[in-house]
Amino acid sequence: MIDAQFNLYSSPSRPLSTMRKITVALLVFPRFQMLDIAAPSDAFAEVKVLSHGECEYEILTIATTRGPIQSSSGLTITPDRTIFDPAPHFDTLIVPGGLGVFDLLEDTPLIDWLLAQGENCRRVGAICNGVFALGAAGMINGKTVTTHWMDAARLSSMFRKAIVEPDRIYVKDDALYTTAGVTAGIDLSLALIEEDFGKKMALDVAKYLIVYLRRAGGQSQFSPLLELQAETDSPVGAIQSYVLANLDVEHTLPSIAEKMQMSERHLSRIFKQECGMTLMTFVNDARIDAVRRHLEATDISLTEIARRCGFTNAATLRRVFAKRLGIGPVDYRERFRTDDAMQKKTKSEKN
């Protein structure tokens, strides 16, 4: 049913002017992330400008308390109304993230309000860790969702009935929309604009904002793959140190077990128990992280990076890197190369 509703907005048989105004509610609470509401608001506002007034979004800020609301950055806004006031029908509700979201998880009036809006709104979205508020209301049970990579494990632990995909920038599951952190609110707003007013409008807004309509790759290109390091004086710590110091070696479970003088079964068990991942996953992620550091900080060739990081050749590196991060190493280098690396390249080209 929801897909049929989306099609009404962009159907050739229904002019855009008949769906001129779409009301979007942005929830705000103490210590919310300002960019989570500012970015979508600016994206939505461009629709009216670019359509010459033929279609528009009406943006309303709805607060959890009365009076001005201070964001996590210290900037303060005066909301249009609160969750305690009579409200018009909202087509879309968006819950931002922010440090204050965790103070809302036992806020009964807010939970009740979210549940009521979930039943009345055409769609509900959450940006960054705003999804925790929806989780507290039971609105993500059985749903596929995402959040900022730093909060993904916590989300999975707290809401076990949700299916958390930590590498996604943006996820739609029926009428529920969730995104990664902060700037992913732009990705969400562009997706909603495309559903409401067509791809051309979304593309025009993206061009105006100077962003991609759809970003290549997932959150892994921004987040560290190796978040957990064991104590260096522990057996697992010694294994990790050995692997990281010898990435150019062709590691296998049997070869590492022999090096550490352990049985393969014991090695697998203690590594998974302490790190939450298999040993070979750690090895593969360590190789990718090393490749990323070379791409960001040096201008050495892919062939040399492949040799240093334990890949058979540059072609294998390209394939594995793109599969793991959703973006090729050349594109990654262009996006994330540091100023020092750029200066070194410019100096070598001049010489």
Protein backbone atom coordinates (compact mmCIF):
# COMPACT_ATOMS: atom_id res chain seq x y z
CA MET A 1 0.00 0.00 0.00
CA ILE A 2 2.77 2.41 0.91
CA ASP A 3 4.50 1.98 -2.47
CA ALA A 4 1.24 2.81 -4.22
CA GLN A 5 1.05 6.02 -2.19
CA PHE A 6 4.60 6.94 -3.18
CA ASN A 7 3.71 6.48 -6.83
CA LEU A 8 0.89 9.00 -6.55
CA TYR A 9 3.36 11.82 -6.13
CA SER A 10 5.39 11.15 -9.24
CA SER A 11 2.77 9.56 -11.46
CA PRO A 12 2.37 11.30 -14.87
CA SER A 13 -1.41 11.08 -14.39
CA ARG A 14 -1.24 13.17 -11.23
CA PRO A 15 0.32 16.65 -11.61
CA LEU A 16 2.82 17.69 -8.96
CA SER A 17 0.73 20.76 -8.16
CA THR A 18 -2.05 18.53 -6.74
CA MET A 19 0.40 17.30 -4.10
CA ARG A 20 1.84 20.74 -3.51
CA LYS A 21 2.48 20.58 0.23
CA ILE A 22 3.83 17.68 2.26
CA THR A 23 4.04 18.24 6.01
CA VAL A 24 7.19 16.95 7.73
CA ALA A 25 7.57 16.89 11.51
CA LEU A 26 11.08 17.05 12.96
CA LEU A 27 11.29 15.91 16.57
CA VAL A 28 13.68 17.92 18.76
CA PHE A 29 14.87 17.23 22.30
CA PRO A 30 17.59 18.54 24.60
CA ARG A 31 21.05 17.83 23.09
CA PHE A 32 19.77 16.80 19.65
CA GLN A 33 22.18 16.91 16.68
CA MET A 34 21.56 20.21 14.91
CA LEU A 35 22.76 19.02 11.50
CA ASP A 36 20.27 16.14 11.64
CA ILE A 37 17.40 18.61 11.28
CA ALA A 38 19.19 21.44 9.46
CA ALA A 39 20.40 19.30 6.55
CA PRO A 40 17.00 17.73 5.69
CA SER A 41 15.26 21.09 6.20
CA ASP A 42 17.54 22.79 3.68
CA ALA A 43 17.15 19.93 1.21
CA PHE A 44 13.37 20.00 1.53
CA ALA A 45 13.31 23.80 1.22
CA GLU A 46 15.03 23.65 -2.16
CA VAL A 47 12.08 21.75 -3.62
CA LYS A 48 9.90 24.85 -3.45
CA VAL A 49 12.64 27.01 -4.97
CA LEU A 50 13.47 24.63 -7.81
CA SER A 51 9.80 23.91 -8.61
CA HIS A 52 8.96 27.65 -8.60
CA GLY A 53 6.42 27.04 -5.86
CA GLU A 54 4.65 24.16 -7.59
CA CYS A 55 5.48 21.77 -4.74
CA GLU A 56 6.87 22.19 -1.27
CA TYR A 57 7.46 20.71 2.15
CA GLU A 58 6.06 22.33 5.26
CA ILE A 59 8.58 21.76 8.07
CA LEU A 60 7.42 21.76 11.70
CA THR A 61 9.69 21.25 14.71
CA ILE A 62 8.06 19.33 17.55
CA ALA A 63 9.75 19.42 20.97
CA THR A 64 9.66 16.96 23.85
CA THR A 65 9.54 19.84 26.37
CA ARG A 66 8.25 23.40 26.41
CA GLY A 67 10.50 26.39 25.75
CA PRO A 68 13.68 26.77 23.67
CA ILE A 69 15.63 23.57 23.02
CA GLN A 70 19.43 23.54 23.08
CA SER A 71 21.22 21.24 20.64
CA SER A 72 24.37 19.24 21.41
CA SER A 73 26.45 21.99 19.77
CA GLY A 74 24.99 24.66 22.05
CA LEU A 75 22.81 26.29 19.39
CA THR A 76 19.22 26.79 20.51
CA ILE A 77 15.97 26.66 18.55
CA THR A 78 12.43 27.62 19.44
CA PRO A 79 10.18 24.75 18.32
CA ASP A 80 6.86 25.27 16.58
CA ARG A 81 4.99 23.16 19.10
CA THR A 82 5.45 20.29 21.56
CA ILE A 83 4.29 16.69 21.71
CA PHE A 84 1.72 17.85 24.29
CA ASP A 85 0.00 20.27 21.90
CA PRO A 86 -2.71 19.41 19.39
CA ALA A 87 -0.99 18.73 16.10
CA PRO A 88 -2.02 18.62 12.46
CA HIS A 89 -1.65 15.42 10.50
CA PHE A 90 2.00 14.83 9.64
CA ASP A 91 2.78 13.08 6.40
CA THR A 92 6.33 12.28 7.54
CA LEU A 93 8.02 12.18 10.93
CA ILE A 94 11.81 12.35 11.27
CA VAL A 95 13.64 11.69 14.55
CA PRO A 96 17.17 13.12 14.65
CA GLY A 97 20.05 11.72 16.66
CA GLY A 98 22.21 13.36 19.28
CA LEU A 99 23.71 12.81 22.70
CA GLY A 100 20.32 13.44 24.32
CA VAL A 101 18.52 10.60 22.58
CA PHE A 102 19.47 8.13 25.30
CA ASP A 103 17.62 10.26 27.86
CA LEU A 104 14.39 9.59 25.93
CA LEU A 105 14.32 5.82 26.14
CA GLU A 106 12.08 5.76 29.23
CA ASP A 107 10.12 8.91 28.42
CA THR A 108 6.58 7.49 28.48
CA PRO A 109 4.78 10.53 27.01
CA LEU A 110 7.22 10.58 24.08
CA ILE A 111 6.96 6.83 23.51
CA ASP A 112 3.16 7.10 23.41
CA TRP A 113 3.41 10.06 21.01
CA LEU A 114 5.80 8.16 18.71
CA LEU A 115 3.48 5.15 18.63
CA ALA A 116 0.52 7.37 17.73
CA GLN A 117 2.50 9.09 14.99
CA GLY A 118 3.70 5.72 13.69
CA GLU A 119 0.08 4.77 13.12
CA ASN A 120 -0.96 8.09 11.58
CA CYS A 121 2.05 9.15 9.50
CA ARG A 122 2.68 7.83 6.01
CA ARG A 123 6.31 7.22 6.92
CA VAL A 124 8.71 7.55 9.84
CA GLY A 125 12.45 8.11 9.62
CA ALA A 126 15.37 8.26 12.04
CA ILE A 127 18.76 9.83 11.47
CA CYS A 128 21.88 8.53 13.18
CA ASN A 129 21.11 7.23 16.69
CA GLY A 130 17.60 8.66 16.59
CA VAL A 131 16.63 5.08 15.82
CA PHE A 132 17.10 4.28 19.54
CA ALA A 133 13.99 6.34 20.33
CA LEU A 134 12.02 4.33 17.79
CA GLY A 135 13.47 1.16 19.28
CA ALA A 136 12.28 2.15 22.74
CA ALA A 137 8.79 2.49 21.27
CA GLY A 138 9.01 -1.00 19.74
CA MET A 139 8.83 0.44 16.24
CA ILE A 140 11.90 -1.39 14.89
CA ASN A 141 10.97 -4.90 15.99
CA GLY A 142 11.32 -7.21 13.00
CA LYS A 143 12.60 -4.32 10.88
CA THR A 144 15.90 -3.94 9.03
CA VAL A 145 17.60 -0.77 10.25
CA THR A 146 20.93 1.01 10.38
CA THR A 147 22.59 3.67 12.51
CA HIS A 148 25.97 5.35 12.97
CA TRP A 149 28.72 2.72 12.93
CA MET A 150 29.77 3.69 16.48
CA ASP A 151 26.29 2.82 17.81
CA ALA A 152 25.50 -0.27 15.71
CA ALA A 153 26.67 -2.84 18.27
CA ARG A 154 24.76 -1.07 21.05
CA LEU A 155 21.61 -0.97 18.92
CA SER A 156 21.86 -4.70 18.22
CA SER A 157 22.40 -5.44 21.89
CA MET A 158 19.50 -3.32 23.14
CA PHE A 159 16.94 -4.23 20.47
CA ARG A 160 17.49 -7.86 19.57
CA LYS A 161 14.30 -8.12 17.50
CA ALA A 162 15.67 -5.58 15.01
CA ILE A 163 17.91 -6.55 12.10
CA VAL A 164 20.82 -4.12 12.22
CA GLU A 165 22.92 -3.57 9.08
CA PRO A 166 25.87 -1.50 10.32
CA ASP A 167 27.48 -0.86 6.93
CA ARG A 168 24.48 0.78 5.25
CA ILE A 169 24.21 4.55 4.74
CA TYR A 170 20.44 4.38 4.40
CA VAL A 171 17.82 1.64 4.82
CA LYS A 172 14.13 1.60 3.90
CA ASP A 173 11.89 -1.12 5.34
CA ASP A 174 8.28 -0.50 4.35
CA ALA A 175 7.38 2.90 5.84
CA LEU A 176 10.40 2.96 8.18
CA TYR A 177 13.56 4.80 7.13
CA THR A 178 16.85 4.77 9.06
CA THR A 179 20.26 6.21 8.25
CA ALA A 180 23.87 6.33 9.34
CA GLY A 181 25.26 9.34 11.17
CA VAL A 182 24.88 13.09 10.78
CA THR A 183 25.24 13.94 7.06
CA ALA A 184 23.23 10.82 6.18
CA GLY A 185 20.19 12.98 6.86
CA ILE A 186 20.85 14.46 3.43
CA ASP A 187 20.78 10.97 1.90
CA LEU A 188 17.44 10.35 3.59
CA SER A 189 15.91 13.64 2.47
CA LEU A 190 17.01 13.08 -1.14
CA ALA A 191 15.46 9.61 -1.09
CA LEU A 192 12.17 11.03 0.20
CA ILE A 193 12.21 13.84 -2.36
CA GLU A 194 12.74 11.30 -5.14
CA GLU A 195 9.79 9.24 -3.91
CA ASP A 196 7.55 12.28 -3.62
CA PHE A 197 8.50 14.36 -6.66
CA GLY A 198 10.62 12.19 -8.91
CA LYS A 199 14.27 11.50 -9.61
CA LYS A 200 14.87 14.71 -11.57
CA MET A 201 13.80 16.85 -8.63
CA ALA A 202 16.01 14.86 -6.24
CA LEU A 203 18.93 15.14 -8.64
CA ASP A 204 18.43 18.91 -9.00
CA VAL A 205 18.41 19.29 -5.21
CA ALA A 206 21.55 17.16 -4.93
CA LYS A 207 23.29 19.31 -7.54
CA TYR A 208 22.32 22.47 -5.69
CA LEU A 209 23.64 21.07 -2.41
CA ILE A 210 26.76 19.77 -4.22
CA VAL A 211 26.33 16.21 -2.95
CA TYR A 212 25.88 12.81 -4.57
CA LEU A 213 22.31 11.68 -5.14
CA ARG A 214 23.50 8.26 -3.98
CA ARG A 215 26.81 7.74 -2.24
CA ALA A 216 29.10 4.93 -3.34
CA GLY A 217 29.91 2.37 -0.68
CA GLY A 218 28.78 1.98 2.90
CA GLN A 219 29.89 3.17 6.31
CA SER A 220 32.93 0.89 6.35
CA GLN A 221 34.81 3.38 4.20
CA PHE A 222 34.57 5.85 7.11
CA SER A 223 34.82 3.54 10.12
CA PRO A 224 37.77 1.54 11.46
CA LEU A 225 37.36 -2.15 10.74
CA LEU A 226 39.57 -3.19 13.67
CA GLU A 227 37.82 -1.62 16.63
CA LEU A 228 38.89 -4.20 19.21
CA GLN A 229 42.51 -4.80 20.14
CA ALA A 230 43.32 -7.33 22.85
CA GLU A 231 45.87 -6.71 25.59
CA THR A 232 49.32 -7.14 24.08
CA ASP A 233 50.45 -9.51 26.86
CA SER A 234 47.50 -11.87 26.30
CA PRO A 235 47.68 -14.82 23.87
CA VAL A 236 45.15 -13.17 21.56
CA GLY A 237 47.04 -9.89 21.78
CA ALA A 238 50.21 -11.67 20.74
CA ILE A 239 48.41 -13.21 17.78
CA GLN A 240 47.07 -9.83 16.67
CA SER A 241 50.50 -8.20 17.02
CA TYR A 242 52.09 -10.96 14.96
CA VAL A 243 49.49 -10.65 12.18
CA LEU A 244 49.69 -6.84 12.06
CA ALA A 245 53.49 -6.92 11.88
CA ASN A 246 53.48 -9.50 9.09
CA LEU A 247 50.63 -8.61 6.75
CA ASP A 248 52.76 -9.48 3.72
CA VAL A 249 52.79 -13.12 4.83
CA GLU A 250 50.16 -15.54 3.50
CA HIS A 251 48.34 -16.30 6.76
CA THR A 252 46.08 -19.30 7.26
CA LEU A 253 44.51 -20.71 10.40
CA PRO A 254 46.93 -23.70 10.39
CA SER A 255 49.99 -21.50 9.81
CA ILE A 256 49.10 -19.11 12.65
CA ALA A 257 48.24 -22.02 14.97
CA GLU A 258 51.64 -23.55 14.26
CA LYS A 259 53.39 -20.22 14.85
CA MET A 260 51.61 -19.74 18.18
CA GLN A 261 52.02 -23.40 19.13
CA MET A 262 48.30 -23.91 19.61
CA SER A 263 45.77 -26.29 18.18
CA GLU A 264 43.57 -24.81 15.46
CA ARG A 265 40.45 -25.49 17.51
CA HIS A 266 41.81 -23.79 20.64
CA LEU A 267 43.08 -20.83 18.62
CA SER A 268 39.73 -20.35 16.90
CA ARG A 269 37.83 -20.60 20.17
CA ILE A 270 39.85 -18.12 22.24
CA PHE A 271 40.12 -15.61 19.39
CA LYS A 272 36.38 -15.58 18.70
CA GLN A 273 35.62 -15.46 22.42
CA GLU A 274 37.84 -12.43 23.09
CA CYS A 275 37.39 -10.49 19.83
CA GLY A 276 33.89 -11.35 18.70
CA MET A 277 35.17 -12.25 15.23
CA THR A 278 37.02 -15.14 13.63
CA LEU A 279 40.78 -15.01 13.28
CA MET A 280 40.63 -14.93 9.48
CA THR A 281 38.08 -12.09 9.56
CA PHE A 282 40.60 -10.17 11.67
CA VAL A 283 43.36 -10.95 9.16
CA ASN A 284 41.26 -9.82 6.20
CA ASP A 285 40.10 -6.64 7.94
CA ALA A 286 43.67 -5.88 9.00
CA ARG A 287 44.79 -6.11 5.38
CA ILE A 288 42.02 -3.76 4.22
CA ASP A 289 42.79 -1.26 6.98
CA ALA A 290 46.47 -1.31 6.02
CA VAL A 291 45.53 -0.70 2.39
CA ARG A 292 43.40 2.26 3.45
CA ARG A 293 46.27 3.81 5.39
CA HIS A 294 48.57 3.51 2.36
CA LEU A 295 45.92 5.02 0.08
CA GLU A 296 45.26 7.91 2.46
CA ALA A 297 48.86 8.77 3.35
CA THR A 298 51.07 7.69 0.44
CA ASP A 299 51.20 7.75 -3.32
CA ILE A 300 52.77 4.31 -3.80
CA SER A 301 51.34 2.08 -6.52
CA LEU A 302 48.55 -0.43 -5.97
CA THR A 303 50.99 -3.19 -6.94
CA GLU A 304 53.32 -2.21 -4.10
CA ILE A 305 50.43 -1.79 -1.65
CA ALA A 306 49.19 -5.26 -2.61
CA ARG A 307 52.63 -6.73 -1.88
CA ARG A 308 52.95 -5.00 1.49
CA CYS A 309 49.44 -5.96 2.61
CA GLY A 310 49.47 -9.61 1.56
CA PHE A 311 47.44 -9.58 -1.64
CA THR A 312 48.50 -11.70 -4.60
CA ASN A 313 48.40 -8.77 -6.99
CA ALA A 314 46.78 -5.40 -7.62
CA ALA A 315 43.79 -6.96 -9.35
CA THR A 316 43.01 -9.09 -6.29
CA LEU A 317 43.40 -6.05 -4.06
CA ARG A 318 40.93 -4.08 -6.21
CA ARG A 319 38.37 -6.88 -6.14
CA VAL A 320 38.57 -7.56 -2.39
CA PHE A 321 38.69 -3.87 -1.46
CA ALA A 322 35.65 -2.98 -3.57
CA LYS A 323 33.68 -5.95 -2.25
CA ARG A 324 34.46 -5.09 1.37
CA LEU A 325 33.97 -1.31 1.24
CA GLY A 326 31.72 -0.81 -1.77
CA ILE A 327 34.21 1.56 -3.40
CA GLY A 328 37.34 0.92 -5.49
CA PRO A 329 40.82 1.76 -4.14
CA VAL A 330 41.42 4.46 -6.78
CA ASP A 331 38.18 6.26 -5.91
CA TYR A 332 38.92 5.81 -2.21
CA ARG A 333 42.36 7.40 -2.62
CA GLU A 334 40.85 10.39 -4.43
CA ARG A 335 38.30 10.96 -1.67
CA PHE A 336 40.42 10.37 1.42
CA ARG A 337 44.00 11.21 0.49
CA THR A 338 45.59 13.54 3.04
CA ASP A 339 47.10 16.93 2.25
CA ASP A 340 50.61 15.57 2.91
CA ALA A 341 50.13 12.83 0.34
CA MET A 342 48.78 15.33 -2.19
CA GLN A 343 51.75 17.64 -1.63
CA LYS A 344 54.20 14.79 -2.08
CA LYS A 345 52.50 13.80 -5.34
CA THR A 346 52.56 17.40 -6.63
CA LYS A 347 56.24 17.77 -5.74
CA SER A 348 57.16 14.51 -7.49
CA GLU A 349 55.20 15.52 -10.61
CA LYS A 350 57.06 18.86 -10.74
CA ASN A 351 60.40 17.07 -10.44
